[in-house]
Structures are given as C-alpha cells and as structure tokens.
PDB file of N, CA and C in Angstrom:
ATOM      1  N   MET A   1    -113.899 103.487 -31.658  1.00  0.00           N
ATOM      2  CA  MET A   1    -112.791 104.401 -31.537  1.00  0.00           C
ATOM      3  C   MET A   1    -111.675 103.783 -30.717  1.00  0.00           C
ATOM      4  N   GLY A   2    -111.258 102.630 -31.046  1.00  0.00           N
ATOM      5  CA  GLY A   2    -110.238 101.927 -30.301  1.00  0.00           C
ATOM      6  C   GLY A   2    -108.857 102.551 -30.416  1.00  0.00           C
ATOM      7  N   ASP A   3    -108.740 103.688 -31.126  1.00  0.00           N
ATOM      8  CA  ASP A   3    -107.430 104.309 -31.317  1.00  0.00           C
ATOM      9  C   ASP A   3    -107.108 105.342 -30.252  1.00  0.00           C
ATOM     10  N   GLY A   4    -107.939 105.479 -29.228  1.00  0.00           N
ATOM     11  CA  GLY A   4    -107.687 106.427 -28.147  1.00  0.00           C
ATOM     12  C   GLY A   4    -108.255 107.810 -28.381  1.00  0.00           C
ATOM     13  N   SER A   5    -108.838 108.049 -29.555  1.00  0.00           N
ATOM     14  CA  SER A   5    -109.423 109.360 -29.812  1.00  0.00           C
ATOM     15  C   SER A   5    -110.761 109.479 -29.080  1.00  0.00           C
ATOM     16  N   ILE A   6    -111.217 110.697 -28.941  1.00  0.00           N
ATOM     17  CA  ILE A   6    -112.455 110.983 -28.216  1.00  0.00           C
ATOM     18  C   ILE A   6    -113.541 111.383 -29.200  1.00  0.00           C
ATOM     19  N   CYS A   7    -114.742 110.858 -29.001  1.00  0.00           N
ATOM     20  CA  CYS A   7    -115.880 111.195 -29.852  1.00  0.00           C
ATOM     21  C   CYS A   7    -116.242 112.667 -29.641  1.00  0.00           C
ATOM     22  N   ALA A   8    -116.524 113.369 -30.719  1.00  0.00           N
ATOM     23  CA  ALA A   8    -116.865 114.793 -30.651  1.00  0.00           C
ATOM     24  C   ALA A   8    -118.350 115.029 -30.390  1.00  0.00           C
ATOM     25  N   GLU A   9    -119.160 113.975 -30.470  1.00  0.00           N
ATOM     26  CA  GLU A   9    -120.600 114.120 -30.245  1.00  0.00           C
ATOM     27  C   GLU A   9    -120.894 114.237 -28.748  1.00  0.00           C
ATOM     28  N   ASP A  10    -122.022 114.878 -28.435  1.00  0.00           N
ATOM     29  CA  ASP A  10    -122.440 114.989 -27.041  1.00  0.00           C
ATOM     30  C   ASP A  10    -122.876 113.641 -26.510  1.00  0.00           C
ATOM     31  N   GLY A  11    -122.573 113.381 -25.245  1.00  0.00           N
ATOM     32  CA  GLY A  11    -123.060 112.177 -24.588  1.00  0.00           C
ATOM     33  C   GLY A  11    -124.533 112.331 -24.258  1.00  0.00           C
ATOM     34  N   THR A  12    -125.362 111.497 -24.850  1.00  0.00           N
ATOM     35  CA  THR A  12    -126.806 111.597 -24.645  1.00  0.00           C
ATOM     36  C   THR A  12    -127.389 110.353 -23.989  1.00  0.00           C
ATOM     37  N   ASP A  13    -126.641 109.245 -24.000  1.00  0.00           N
ATOM     38  CA  ASP A  13    -127.132 107.973 -23.470  1.00  0.00           C
ATOM     39  C   ASP A  13    -126.277 107.546 -22.285  1.00  0.00           C
ATOM     40  N   VAL A  14    -126.931 107.129 -21.208  1.00  0.00           N
ATOM     41  CA  VAL A  14    -126.216 106.590 -20.054  1.00  0.00           C
ATOM     42  C   VAL A  14    -126.003 105.099 -20.304  1.00  0.00           C
ATOM     43  N   ASP A  15    -124.753 104.679 -20.218  1.00  0.00           N
ATOM     44  CA  ASP A  15    -124.388 103.294 -20.492  1.00  0.00           C
ATOM     45  C   ASP A  15    -123.812 102.659 -19.239  1.00  0.00           C
ATOM     46  N   HIS A  16    -124.178 101.394 -19.002  1.00  0.00           N
ATOM     47  CA  HIS A  16    -123.576 100.615 -17.918  1.00  0.00           C
ATOM     48  C   HIS A  16    -122.267 100.034 -18.446  1.00  0.00           C
ATOM     49  N   ILE A  17    -121.189 100.304 -17.771  1.00  0.00           N
ATOM     50  CA  ILE A  17    -119.881  99.852 -18.222  1.00  0.00           C
ATOM     51  C   ILE A  17    -119.786  98.333 -18.133  1.00  0.00           C
ATOM     52  N   ARG A  18    -120.188  97.745 -17.018  1.00  0.00           N
ATOM     53  CA  ARG A  18    -120.112  96.295 -16.847  1.00  0.00           C
ATOM     54  C   ARG A  18    -121.487  95.709 -16.530  1.00  0.00           C
ATOM     55  N   ASP A  19    -121.819  95.688 -15.261  1.00  0.00           N
ATOM     56  CA  ASP A  19    -123.037  95.029 -14.790  1.00  0.00           C
ATOM     57  C   ASP A  19    -124.253  95.946 -14.975  1.00  0.00           C
ATOM     58  N   ARG A  20    -125.245  95.459 -15.742  1.00  0.00           N
ATOM     59  CA  ARG A  20    -126.449  96.274 -15.994  1.00  0.00           C
ATOM     60  C   ARG A  20    -127.273  96.512 -14.743  1.00  0.00           C
ATOM     61  N   ASP A  21    -127.087  95.697 -13.708  1.00  0.00           N
ATOM     62  CA  ASP A  21    -127.855  95.872 -12.474  1.00  0.00           C
ATOM     63  C   ASP A  21    -127.167  96.798 -11.480  1.00  0.00           C
ATOM     64  N   ASP A  22    -125.942  97.216 -11.772  1.00  0.00           N
ATOM     65  CA  ASP A  22    -125.183  98.111 -10.900  1.00  0.00           C
ATOM     66  C   ASP A  22    -125.358  99.536 -11.409  1.00  0.00           C
ATOM     67  N   HIS A  23    -126.146 100.334 -10.687  1.00  0.00           N
ATOM     68  CA  HIS A  23    -126.464 101.693 -11.123  1.00  0.00           C
ATOM     69  C   HIS A  23    -125.619 102.748 -10.409  1.00  0.00           C
ATOM     70  N   ARG A  24    -124.527 102.338  -9.776  1.00  0.00           N
ATOM     71  CA  ARG A  24    -123.646 103.304  -9.122  1.00  0.00           C
ATOM     72  C   ARG A  24    -122.885 104.104 -10.179  1.00  0.00           C
ATOM     73  N   LEU A  25    -122.525 105.340  -9.841  1.00  0.00           N
ATOM     74  CA  LEU A  25    -121.876 106.242 -10.793  1.00  0.00           C
ATOM     75  C   LEU A  25    -120.614 105.649 -11.396  1.00  0.00           C
ATOM     76  N   ARG A  26    -119.852 104.874 -10.627  1.00  0.00           N
ATOM     77  CA  ARG A  26    -118.593 104.333 -11.159  1.00  0.00           C
ATOM     78  C   ARG A  26    -118.828 103.288 -12.255  1.00  0.00           C
ATOM     79  N   ASN A  27    -120.072 102.816 -12.400  1.00  0.00           N
ATOM     80  CA  ASN A  27    -120.400 101.842 -13.436  1.00  0.00           C
ATOM     81  C   ASN A  27    -121.162 102.486 -14.602  1.00  0.00           C
ATOM     82  N   LEU A  28    -121.279 103.796 -14.608  1.00  0.00           N
ATOM     83  CA  LEU A  28    -122.041 104.481 -15.648  1.00  0.00           C
ATOM     84  C   LEU A  28    -121.129 105.413 -16.445  1.00  0.00           C
ATOM     85  N   GLN A  29    -121.455 105.577 -17.724  1.00  0.00           N
ATOM     86  CA  GLN A  29    -120.731 106.517 -18.575  1.00  0.00           C
ATOM     87  C   GLN A  29    -121.696 107.103 -19.590  1.00  0.00           C
ATOM     88  N   LEU A  30    -121.393 108.304 -20.063  1.00  0.00           N
ATOM     89  CA  LEU A  30    -122.192 108.937 -21.106  1.00  0.00           C
ATOM     90  C   LEU A  30    -121.597 108.599 -22.459  1.00  0.00           C
ATOM     91  N   LEU A  31    -122.432 108.160 -23.377  1.00  0.00           N
ATOM     92  CA  LEU A  31    -122.016 107.886 -24.746  1.00  0.00           C
ATOM     93  C   LEU A  31    -122.975 108.575 -25.700  1.00  0.00           C
ATOM     94  N   CYS A  32    -122.507 108.891 -26.895  1.00  0.00           N
ATOM     95  CA  CYS A  32    -123.428 109.373 -27.925  1.00  0.00           C
ATOM     96  C   CYS A  32    -124.294 108.179 -28.354  1.00  0.00           C
ATOM     97  N   SER A  33    -125.399 108.452 -28.993  1.00  0.00           N
ATOM     98  CA  SER A  33    -126.314 107.376 -29.390  1.00  0.00           C
ATOM     99  C   SER A  33    -125.645 106.365 -30.302  1.00  0.00           C
ATOM    100  N   TRP A  34    -124.802 106.830 -31.232  1.00  0.00           N
ATOM    101  CA  TRP A  34    -124.159 105.929 -32.184  1.00  0.00           C
ATOM    102  C   TRP A  34    -123.238 104.951 -31.459  1.00  0.00           C
ATOM    103  N   HIS A  35    -122.399 105.464 -30.554  1.00  0.00           N
ATOM    104  CA  HIS A  35    -121.472 104.586 -29.836  1.00  0.00           C
ATOM    105  C   HIS A  35    -122.209 103.673 -28.855  1.00  0.00           C
ATOM    106  N   HIS A  36    -123.281 104.176 -28.257  1.00  0.00           N
ATOM    107  CA  HIS A  36    -124.061 103.327 -27.346  1.00  0.00           C
ATOM    108  C   HIS A  36    -124.695 102.164 -28.105  1.00  0.00           C
ATOM    109  N   ASP A  37    -125.284 102.448 -29.255  1.00  0.00           N
ATOM    110  CA  ASP A  37    -125.884 101.385 -30.075  1.00  0.00           C
ATOM    111  C   ASP A  37    -124.819 100.375 -30.519  1.00  0.00           C
ATOM    112  N   ARG A  38    -123.670 100.873 -30.898  1.00  0.00           N
ATOM    113  CA  ARG A  38    -122.586  99.998 -31.353  1.00  0.00           C
ATOM    114  C   ARG A  38    -122.091  99.096 -30.218  1.00  0.00           C
ATOM    115  N   LYS A  39    -121.914  99.662 -29.030  1.00  0.00           N
ATOM    116  CA  LYS A  39    -121.456  98.874 -27.873  1.00  0.00           C
ATOM    117  C   LYS A  39    -122.511  97.840 -27.493  1.00  0.00           C
ATOM    118  N   THR A  40    -123.775  98.236 -27.487  1.00  0.00           N
ATOM    119  CA  THR A  40    -124.856  97.317 -27.141  1.00  0.00           C
ATOM    120  C   THR A  40    -124.928  96.159 -28.131  1.00  0.00           C
ATOM    121  N   ALA A  41    -124.797  96.440 -29.417  1.00  0.00           N
ATOM    122  CA  ALA A  41    -124.829  95.387 -30.439  1.00  0.00           C
ATOM    123  C   ALA A  41    -123.646  94.427 -30.273  1.00  0.00           C
ATOM    124  N   ARG A  42    -122.462  94.975 -29.990  1.00  0.00           N
ATOM    125  CA  ARG A  42    -121.273  94.133 -29.798  1.00  0.00           C
ATOM    126  C   ARG A  42    -121.454  93.203 -28.592  1.00  0.00           C
ATOM    127  N   GLU A  43    -122.008  93.738 -27.500  1.00  0.00           N
ATOM    128  CA  GLU A  43    -122.224  92.923 -26.303  1.00  0.00           C
ATOM    129  C   GLU A  43    -123.306  91.869 -26.541  1.00  0.00           C
ATOM    130  N   ALA A  44    -124.342  92.218 -27.282  1.00  0.00           N
ATOM    131  CA  ALA A  44    -125.405  91.254 -27.578  1.00  0.00           C
ATOM    132  C   ALA A  44    -124.881  90.123 -28.450  1.00  0.00           C
ATOM    133  N   ASN A  45    -124.063  90.447 -29.441  1.00  0.00           N
ATOM    134  CA  ASN A  45    -123.488  89.410 -30.297  1.00  0.00           C
ATOM    135  C   ASN A  45    -122.551  88.502 -29.523  1.00  0.00           C
ATOM    136  N   ALA A  46    -121.807  89.058 -28.583  1.00  0.00           N
ATOM    137  CA  ALA A  46    -120.886  88.256 -27.777  1.00  0.00           C
ATOM    138  C   ALA A  46    -121.647  87.312 -26.850  1.00  0.00           C
ATOM    139  N   ALA A  47    -122.857  87.696 -26.460  1.00  0.00           N
ATOM    140  CA  ALA A  47    -123.638  86.879 -25.532  1.00  0.00           C
ATOM    141  C   ALA A  47    -124.419  85.773 -26.231  1.00  0.00           C
ATOM    142  N   LYS A  48    -124.532  85.844 -27.542  1.00  0.00           N
ATOM    143  CA  LYS A  48    -125.270  84.823 -28.281  1.00  0.00           C
ATOM    144  C   LYS A  48    -124.553  83.481 -28.181  1.00  0.00           C
ATOM    145  N   PRO A  49    -125.310  82.419 -27.998  1.00  0.00           N
ATOM    146  CA  PRO A  49    -124.658  81.105 -27.987  1.00  0.00           C
ATOM    147  C   PRO A  49    -124.126  80.775 -29.380  1.00  0.00           C
ATOM    148  N   ARG A  50    -122.949  80.240 -29.419  1.00  0.00           N
ATOM    149  CA  ARG A  50    -122.344  79.836 -30.691  1.00  0.00           C
ATOM    150  C   ARG A  50    -122.723  78.389 -30.974  1.00  0.00           C
ATOM    151  N   PHE A  51    -123.159  78.140 -32.165  1.00  0.00           N
ATOM    152  CA  PHE A  51    -123.531  76.783 -32.541  1.00  0.00           C
ATOM    153  C   PHE A  51    -123.135  76.543 -33.978  1.00  0.00           C
ATOM    154  N   SER A  52    -123.028  75.294 -34.301  1.00  0.00           N
ATOM    155  CA  SER A  52    -122.686  74.906 -35.656  1.00  0.00           C
ATOM    156  C   SER A  52    -123.970  74.664 -36.435  1.00  0.00           C
ATOM    157  N   PRO A  53    -124.060  75.146 -37.657  1.00  0.00           N
ATOM    158  CA  PRO A  53    -125.256  74.893 -38.456  1.00  0.00           C
ATOM    159  C   PRO A  53    -125.323  73.437 -38.929  1.00  0.00           C
ATOM    160  N   ARG A  54    -124.234  72.702 -38.723  1.00  0.00           N
ATOM    161  CA  ARG A  54    -124.211  71.303 -39.133  1.00  0.00           C
ATOM    162  C   ARG A  54    -124.900  70.429 -38.098  1.00  0.00           C
ATOM    163  N   ARG A  55    -125.480  69.381 -38.572  1.00  0.00           N
ATOM    164  CA  ARG A  55    -126.136  68.427 -37.693  1.00  0.00           C
ATOM    165  C   ARG A  55    -125.085  67.713 -36.846  1.00  0.00           C
ATOM    166  N   PRO A  56    -125.361  67.448 -35.564  1.00  0.00           N
ATOM    167  CA  PRO A  56    -124.374  66.750 -34.737  1.00  0.00           C
ATOM    168  C   PRO A  56    -124.103  65.338 -35.264  1.00  0.00           C
ATOM    169  N   ARG A  57    -122.885  64.899 -35.079  1.00  0.00           N
ATOM    170  CA  ARG A  57    -122.510  63.568 -35.521  1.00  0.00           C
ATOM    171  C   ARG A  57    -123.257  62.511 -34.739  1.00  0.00           C
ATOM    172  N   GLU A  58    -123.713  61.503 -35.451  1.00  0.00           N
ATOM    173  CA  GLU A  58    -124.375  60.374 -34.793  1.00  0.00           C
ATOM    174  C   GLU A  58    -123.323  59.328 -34.457  1.00  0.00           C
ATOM    175  N   VAL A  59    -123.517  58.679 -33.351  1.00  0.00           N
ATOM    176  CA  VAL A  59    -122.607  57.612 -32.952  1.00  0.00           C
ATOM    177  C   VAL A  59    -122.923  56.380 -33.800  1.00  0.00           C
ATOM    178  N   HIS A  60    -121.892  55.770 -34.339  1.00  0.00           N
ATOM    179  CA  HIS A  60    -122.064  54.567 -35.158  1.00  0.00           C
ATOM    180  C   HIS A  60    -122.674  53.466 -34.285  1.00  0.00           C
ATOM    181  N   PRO A  61    -123.710  52.759 -34.785  1.00  0.00           N
ATOM    182  CA  PRO A  61    -124.373  51.716 -33.980  1.00  0.00           C
ATOM    183  C   PRO A  61    -123.415  50.639 -33.480  1.00  0.00           C
ATOM    184  N   GLY A  62    -122.337  50.369 -34.202  1.00  0.00           N
ATOM    185  CA  GLY A  62    -121.395  49.350 -33.766  1.00  0.00           C
ATOM    186  C   GLY A  62    -120.555  49.791 -32.587  1.00  0.00           C
ATOM    187  N   LEU A  63    -120.576  51.099 -32.276  1.00  0.00           N
ATOM    188  CA  LEU A  63    -119.774  51.617 -31.149  1.00  0.00           C
ATOM    189  C   LEU A  63    -120.599  51.753 -29.886  1.00  0.00           C
ATOM    190  N   LEU A  64    -121.867  51.450 -29.936  1.00  0.00           N
ATOM    191  CA  LEU A  64    -122.723  51.575 -28.740  1.00  0.00           C
ATOM    192  C   LEU A  64    -122.533  50.448 -27.775  1.00  0.00           C
TER     193      LEU A  64
END
C-alpha cells in the first residue's frame, strides 16, 4: 500500500519495524497477516546474497 492508503483489515500480527531484537513499543506495529507476510518476504529477499549463476572467470595462465 505504498500509495498512503490504510489497510481496512484488523491488525493481528505484531511486526518489528527495524531491529528484530528491539522489542520496545516504538519499534513495533500491528499489521494484518497479509501485509505482515508481504513485508517479511520482501525483507527476506533483500537479505539474500546476490550471486551470478555464471561460473567465475578464470585468470588466463599467461597472466599469472
């Protein structure tokens, strides 16, 4: 809902806004299950290491 609108569903899941180890109220928010799952998936994908499926280039033996 990046358009500024508010979800009409009840907040059922407590979500950590930033640091998962910070349980203070200012770091917590209520989200509906759908938005909580979506935010969690987005954060998990962002944390995945990015790699190329291609094999790394080998150094030419004449350049060693």
